[in-house]
C-alpha atoms as a PDB file:
ATOM      1  CA  MET A   1      77.214  25.337 122.151  1.00  0.00           C
ATOM      2  CA  ALA A   2      77.600  21.670 121.444  1.00  0.00           C
ATOM      3  CA  GLY A   3      77.820  19.620 124.644  1.00  0.00           C
ATOM      4  CA  SER A   4      80.805  17.782 126.037  1.00  0.00           C
ATOM      5  CA  ARG A   5      83.795  17.588 123.729  1.00  0.00           C
ATOM      6  CA  PHE A   6      84.654  14.133 125.076  1.00  0.00           C
ATOM      7  CA  SER A   7      83.185  10.651 124.624  1.00  0.00           C
ATOM      8  CA  THR A   8      84.411   9.272 127.952  1.00  0.00           C
ATOM      9  CA  ALA A   9      85.473  10.591 131.332  1.00  0.00           C
ATOM     10  CA  ARG A  10      88.888   9.021 130.717  1.00  0.00           C
ATOM     11  CA  GLU A  11      89.337  11.296 127.682  1.00  0.00           C
ATOM     12  CA  VAL A  12      88.802  14.344 129.914  1.00  0.00           C
ATOM     13  CA  PHE A  13      91.508  13.100 132.289  1.00  0.00           C
ATOM     14  CA  GLU A  14      93.859  12.398 129.383  1.00  0.00           C
ATOM     15  CA  ALA A  15      93.325  15.864 127.876  1.00  0.00           C
ATOM     16  CA  PHE A  16      93.859  17.641 131.214  1.00  0.00           C
ATOM     17  CA  PRO A  17      96.417  15.982 133.500  1.00  0.00           C
ATOM     18  CA  SER A  18      95.479  18.290 136.401  1.00  0.00           C
ATOM     19  CA  THR A  19      92.105  16.544 136.652  1.00  0.00           C
ATOM     20  CA  GLU A  20      93.852  13.822 138.643  1.00  0.00           C
ATOM     21  CA  ARG A  21      94.562  16.418 141.361  1.00  0.00           C
ATOM     22  CA  ASP A  22      91.172  18.106 141.075  1.00  0.00           C
ATOM     23  CA  ILE A  23      88.926  15.023 140.949  1.00  0.00           C
ATOM     24  CA  SER A  24      89.300  12.371 143.627  1.00  0.00           C
ATOM     25  CA  ALA A  25      87.518   9.604 141.673  1.00  0.00           C
ATOM     26  CA  ALA A  26      89.428   7.545 139.132  1.00  0.00           C
ATOM     27  CA  PRO A  27      88.379   8.071 135.510  1.00  0.00           C
ATOM     28  CA  THR A  28      86.093   5.575 133.826  1.00  0.00           C
ATOM     29  CA  ASP A  29      85.076   4.821 130.269  1.00  0.00           C
ATOM     30  CA  GLU A  30      81.571   6.105 130.996  1.00  0.00           C
ATOM     31  CA  PRO A  31      80.255   9.092 129.059  1.00  0.00           C
ATOM     32  CA  PRO A  32      81.127  12.326 130.894  1.00  0.00           C
ATOM     33  CA  LEU A  33      77.489  13.020 131.804  1.00  0.00           C
ATOM     34  CA  VAL A  34      77.113   9.577 133.432  1.00  0.00           C
ATOM     35  CA  PHE A  35      80.394  10.040 135.305  1.00  0.00           C
ATOM     36  CA  LEU A  36      79.253  13.519 136.360  1.00  0.00           C
ATOM     37  CA  GLU A  37      76.077  12.123 137.896  1.00  0.00           C
ATOM     38  CA  SER A  38      78.070   9.607 139.944  1.00  0.00           C
ATOM     39  CA  LEU A  39      80.418  12.378 141.126  1.00  0.00           C
ATOM     40  CA  ARG A  40      77.611  14.698 142.186  1.00  0.00           C
ATOM     41  CA  ARG A  41      76.036  11.939 144.257  1.00  0.00           C
ATOM     42  CA  GLY A  42      79.345  10.778 145.752  1.00  0.00           C
ATOM     43  CA  GLY A  43      81.173  11.825 148.877  1.00  0.00           C
ATOM     44  CA  THR A  44      82.809  14.827 147.210  1.00  0.00           C
ATOM     45  CA  PRO A  45      80.205  16.415 144.910  1.00  0.00           C
ATOM     46  CA  GLU A  46      82.653  19.272 144.316  1.00  0.00           C
ATOM     47  CA  ASP A  47      84.356  16.827 141.929  1.00  0.00           C
ATOM     48  CA  ALA A  48      81.365  17.323 139.615  1.00  0.00           C
ATOM     49  CA  VAL A  49      82.271  21.022 139.468  1.00  0.00           C
ATOM     50  CA  SER A  50      85.777  20.065 138.366  1.00  0.00           C
ATOM     51  CA  LEU A  51      84.525  17.646 135.710  1.00  0.00           C
ATOM     52  CA  LEU A  52      82.167  20.252 134.290  1.00  0.00           C
ATOM     53  CA  ALA A  53      84.921  22.873 134.229  1.00  0.00           C
ATOM     54  CA  TYR A  54      87.204  20.593 132.232  1.00  0.00           C
ATOM     55  CA  SER A  55      84.535  19.042 129.979  1.00  0.00           C
ATOM     56  CA  LEU A  56      82.883  22.183 128.651  1.00  0.00           C
ATOM     57  CA  ASP A  57      84.401  24.345 125.983  1.00  0.00           C
ATOM     58  CA  ARG A  58      85.910  27.556 127.332  1.00  0.00           C
ATOM     59  CA  ARG A  59      83.085  29.918 126.472  1.00  0.00           C
ATOM     60  CA  GLU A  60      80.420  27.587 127.913  1.00  0.00           C
ATOM     61  CA  ALA A  61      82.546  27.037 131.016  1.00  0.00           C
ATOM     62  CA  VAL A  62      82.899  30.782 131.605  1.00  0.00           C
ATOM     63  CA  TRP A  63      79.152  31.283 131.143  1.00  0.00           C
ATOM     64  CA  TRP A  64      78.436  28.426 133.567  1.00  0.00           C
ATOM     65  CA  SER A  65      80.857  29.819 136.154  1.00  0.00           C
ATOM     66  CA  ALA A  66      79.299  33.285 135.892  1.00  0.00           C
ATOM     67  CA  GLN A  67      75.799  31.880 136.349  1.00  0.00           C
ATOM     68  CA  SER A  68      76.935  29.659 139.216  1.00  0.00           C
ATOM     69  CA  VAL A  69      78.688  32.519 140.995  1.00  0.00           C
ATOM     70  CA  ARG A  70      75.555  34.625 140.601  1.00  0.00           C
ATOM     71  CA  LEU A  71      73.483  31.805 142.114  1.00  0.00           C
ATOM     72  CA  LEU A  72      75.866  30.930 144.931  1.00  0.00           C
ATOM     73  CA  MET A  73      76.518  34.524 145.955  1.00  0.00           C
ATOM     74  CA  ARG A  74      72.990  35.743 145.163  1.00  0.00           C
ATOM     75  CA  ILE A  75      74.179  38.424 142.762  1.00  0.00           C
ATOM     76  CA  ALA A  76      71.199  39.958 140.992  1.00  0.00           C
ATOM     77  CA  ASN A  77      71.316  41.646 137.601  1.00  0.00           C
ATOM     78  CA  GLY A  78      72.657  45.147 138.139  1.00  0.00           C
ATOM     79  CA  GLN A  79      74.580  44.128 141.275  1.00  0.00           C
ATOM     80  CA  GLU A  80      77.548  42.536 139.535  1.00  0.00           C
ATOM     81  CA  ASP A  81      81.036  43.972 139.842  1.00  0.00           C
ATOM     82  CA  ALA A  82      83.294  44.958 136.940  1.00  0.00           C
ATOM     83  CA  PRO A  83      85.114  41.579 136.670  1.00  0.00           C
ATOM     84  CA  LEU A  84      81.845  39.646 136.394  1.00  0.00           C
ATOM     85  CA  ARG A  85      80.441  42.152 133.879  1.00  0.00           C
ATOM     86  CA  ALA A  86      83.611  41.841 131.800  1.00  0.00           C
ATOM     87  CA  ALA A  87      83.482  38.037 131.775  1.00  0.00           C
ATOM     88  CA  GLU A  88      79.829  38.039 130.776  1.00  0.00           C
ATOM     89  CA  ALA A  89      80.523  40.605 128.047  1.00  0.00           C
ATOM     90  CA  TRP A  90      83.176  38.273 126.616  1.00  0.00           C
ATOM     91  CA  VAL A  91      80.736  35.329 126.691  1.00  0.00           C
ATOM     92  CA  ARG A  92      78.202  37.367 124.708  1.00  0.00           C
ATOM     93  CA  ASP A  93      80.870  38.575 122.253  1.00  0.00           C
ATOM     94  CA  PRO A  94      84.139  36.592 122.355  1.00  0.00           C
ATOM     95  CA  ASP A  95      86.143  39.494 120.963  1.00  0.00           C
ATOM     96  CA  ASP A  96      89.826  39.603 121.958  1.00  0.00           C
ATOM     97  CA  LEU A  97      89.552  43.160 123.319  1.00  0.00           C
ATOM     98  CA  LEU A  98      86.779  42.019 125.660  1.00  0.00           C
ATOM     99  CA  ARG A  99      88.872  39.001 126.659  1.00  0.00           C
ATOM    100  CA  ARG A 100      91.842  41.262 127.437  1.00  0.00           C
ATOM    101  CA  ASP A 101      89.596  43.542 129.501  1.00  0.00           C
ATOM    102  CA  ALA A 102      88.376  40.555 131.530  1.00  0.00           C
ATOM    103  CA  LEU A 103      91.994  39.435 131.931  1.00  0.00           C
ATOM    104  CA  ARG A 104      93.048  42.867 133.176  1.00  0.00           C
ATOM    105  CA  LEU A 105      90.210  43.060 135.699  1.00  0.00           C
ATOM    106  CA  GLY A 106      90.844  39.512 136.871  1.00  0.00           C
ATOM    107  CA  MET A 107      94.559  40.156 137.325  1.00  0.00           C
ATOM    108  CA  LEU A 108      93.916  43.383 139.235  1.00  0.00           C
ATOM    109  CA  GLY A 109      91.058  41.902 141.246  1.00  0.00           C
ATOM    110  CA  ASN A 110      91.025  40.332 144.672  1.00  0.00           C
ATOM    111  CA  ARG A 111      91.743  36.602 144.237  1.00  0.00           C
ATOM    112  CA  ARG A 112      89.590  35.891 147.288  1.00  0.00           C
ATOM    113  CA  LEU A 113      86.567  36.951 145.242  1.00  0.00           C
ATOM    114  CA  ALA A 114      84.872  34.482 142.943  1.00  0.00           C
ATOM    115  CA  THR A 115      84.130  37.194 140.389  1.00  0.00           C
ATOM    116  CA  SER A 116      87.843  37.839 139.870  1.00  0.00           C
ATOM    117  CA  TRP A 117      88.251  34.156 139.006  1.00  0.00           C
ATOM    118  CA  VAL A 118      85.349  34.295 136.536  1.00  0.00           C
ATOM    119  CA  ALA A 119      87.108  37.216 134.831  1.00  0.00           C
ATOM    120  CA  LEU A 120      90.367  35.249 134.788  1.00  0.00           C
ATOM    121  CA  ALA A 121      88.548  32.273 133.265  1.00  0.00           C
ATOM    122  CA  ALA A 122      87.442  34.506 130.388  1.00  0.00           C
ATOM    123  CA  GLY A 123      90.810  36.225 130.174  1.00  0.00           C
ATOM    124  CA  TRP A 124      92.708  32.942 130.066  1.00  0.00           C
ATOM    125  CA  SER A 125      90.436  31.480 127.365  1.00  0.00           C
ATOM    126  CA  GLY A 126      92.993  31.888 124.607  1.00  0.00           C
ATOM    127  CA  GLY A 127      95.373  34.233 122.902  1.00  0.00           C
ATOM    128  CA  ASN A 128      98.026  36.218 124.709  1.00  0.00           C
ATOM    129  CA  VAL A 129      97.671  36.222 128.497  1.00  0.00           C
ATOM    130  CA  GLY A 130     100.868  38.201 129.025  1.00  0.00           C
ATOM    131  CA  PRO A 131     100.853  41.562 130.779  1.00  0.00           C
ATOM    132  CA  SER A 132     101.001  43.461 127.477  1.00  0.00           C
ATOM    133  CA  VAL A 133     100.675  42.928 123.759  1.00  0.00           C
ATOM    134  CA  HIS A 134     104.476  42.936 123.634  1.00  0.00           C
ATOM    135  CA  ALA A 135     104.964  40.225 126.277  1.00  0.00           C
ATOM    136  CA  ILE A 136     103.530  37.190 124.485  1.00  0.00           C
ATOM    137  CA  VAL A 137     102.448  34.423 126.850  1.00  0.00           C
ATOM    138  CA  PRO A 138     100.051  31.951 125.244  1.00  0.00           C
ATOM    139  CA  ALA A 139      97.115  30.625 127.269  1.00  0.00           C
ATOM    140  CA  THR A 140      97.340  26.938 128.085  1.00  0.00           C
ATOM    141  CA  PRO A 141      94.293  24.670 127.779  1.00  0.00           C
ATOM    142  CA  GLU A 142      94.057  24.136 131.547  1.00  0.00           C
ATOM    143  CA  MET A 143      93.949  27.803 132.521  1.00  0.00           C
ATOM    144  CA  THR A 144      90.250  28.443 131.911  1.00  0.00           C
ATOM    145  CA  PRO A 145      88.929  25.239 133.523  1.00  0.00           C
ATOM    146  CA  LYS A 146      91.112  25.769 136.593  1.00  0.00           C
ATOM    147  CA  ALA A 147      89.844  29.357 136.963  1.00  0.00           C
ATOM    148  CA  VAL A 148      86.226  28.234 136.430  1.00  0.00           C
ATOM    149  CA  ARG A 149      86.618  25.558 139.100  1.00  0.00           C
ATOM    150  CA  THR A 150      88.240  28.013 141.489  1.00  0.00           C
ATOM    151  CA  ALA A 151      85.532  30.653 140.929  1.00  0.00           C
ATOM    152  CA  ILE A 152      82.759  28.240 141.812  1.00  0.00           C
ATOM    153  CA  LEU A 153      84.546  26.740 144.810  1.00  0.00           C
ATOM    154  CA  VAL A 154      85.399  30.220 146.160  1.00  0.00           C
ATOM    155  CA  ALA A 155      81.751  31.244 145.764  1.00  0.00           C
ATOM    156  CA  LEU A 156      80.615  28.008 147.401  1.00  0.00           C
ATOM    157  CA  ALA A 157      82.786  28.813 150.420  1.00  0.00           C
ATOM    158  CA  THR A 158      80.572  31.867 151.044  1.00  0.00           C
ATOM    159  CA  VAL A 159      77.414  29.756 151.365  1.00  0.00           C
ATOM    160  CA  ASN A 160      76.270  28.789 154.855  1.00  0.00           C
ATOM    161  CA  ALA A 161      76.508  25.105 155.745  1.00  0.00           C
ATOM    162  CA  ARG A 162      72.735  24.576 155.825  1.00  0.00           C
ATOM    163  CA  GLU A 163      72.311  25.681 152.185  1.00  0.00           C
ATOM    164  CA  ARG A 164      75.642  24.457 150.809  1.00  0.00           C
ATOM    165  CA  SER A 165      74.569  21.088 149.402  1.00  0.00           C
ATOM    166  CA  ASP A 166      71.408  22.398 147.729  1.00  0.00           C
ATOM    167  CA  ARG A 167      73.165  25.394 146.200  1.00  0.00           C
ATOM    168  CA  LEU A 168      76.060  23.216 144.981  1.00  0.00           C
ATOM    169  CA  GLN A 169      73.581  20.868 143.304  1.00  0.00           C
ATOM    170  CA  ALA A 170      71.777  23.863 141.760  1.00  0.00           C
ATOM    171  CA  SER A 171      75.093  25.095 140.356  1.00  0.00           C
ATOM    172  CA  ILE A 172      75.775  21.684 138.842  1.00  0.00           C
ATOM    173  CA  ASP A 173      72.225  21.671 137.435  1.00  0.00           C
ATOM    174  CA  ILE A 174      73.066  24.849 135.499  1.00  0.00           C
ATOM    175  CA  GLY A 175      75.997  23.073 133.824  1.00  0.00           C
ATOM    176  CA  VAL A 176      74.394  19.687 133.087  1.00  0.00           C
ATOM    177  CA  PRO A 177      72.433  20.835 129.989  1.00  0.00           C
ATOM    178  CA  LEU A 178      75.680  22.191 128.547  1.00  0.00           C
ATOM    179  CA  MET A 179      77.154  18.670 128.642  1.00  0.00           C
ATOM    180  CA  ARG A 180      74.250  17.064 126.808  1.00  0.00           C
ATOM    181  CA  PRO A 181      74.895  16.295 123.144  1.00  0.00           C
ATOM    182  CA  ARG A 182      72.966  18.490 120.706  1.00  0.00           C
ATOM    183  CA  GLY A 183      71.063  17.513 117.609  1.00  0.00           C
ATOM    184  CA  GLY A 184      69.680  14.161 118.762  1.00  0.00           C
ATOM    185  CA  GLU A 185      73.063  12.629 119.551  1.00  0.00           C
ATOM    186  CA  GLY A 186      73.543  10.202 122.438  1.00  0.00           C
END
């Protein structure tokens, strides 16, 4: 896991055109981590969730969404449902059969549940996302970050207003180390 794939926030926006709909702030030439900090302290800290979802590589983003959903919904180990278990299994072992299992559970799951979106994030991480091995539909780069973002925002909607800001910041805190460059860079 190597940190953000981008040198500037603008590069994130250029790589993923849907960021302009998902992040209210205009992109800057700041490093993504600096831009993230300004988003989390701004009027719409949910934009930091979107930036993290788009900045991280797919496997890191799925792991972050699973951990955030666990935190936001207070899901303890052993209490997770099948979609969340499947997504976490894929993170531990990014085998295509595990990805397809997460995809299946996400597609069959209730889209009002954050855990279904975490499973979709894993399922949409690459390869064929069609309904069968014979119906080839390639995953697009934006599918996983959009599902990650949705999972966290759906989970956040379950948090009471008094705890919302603190729990949102705690979720972002889980993702921040994943954006930091590794190996003494930056």
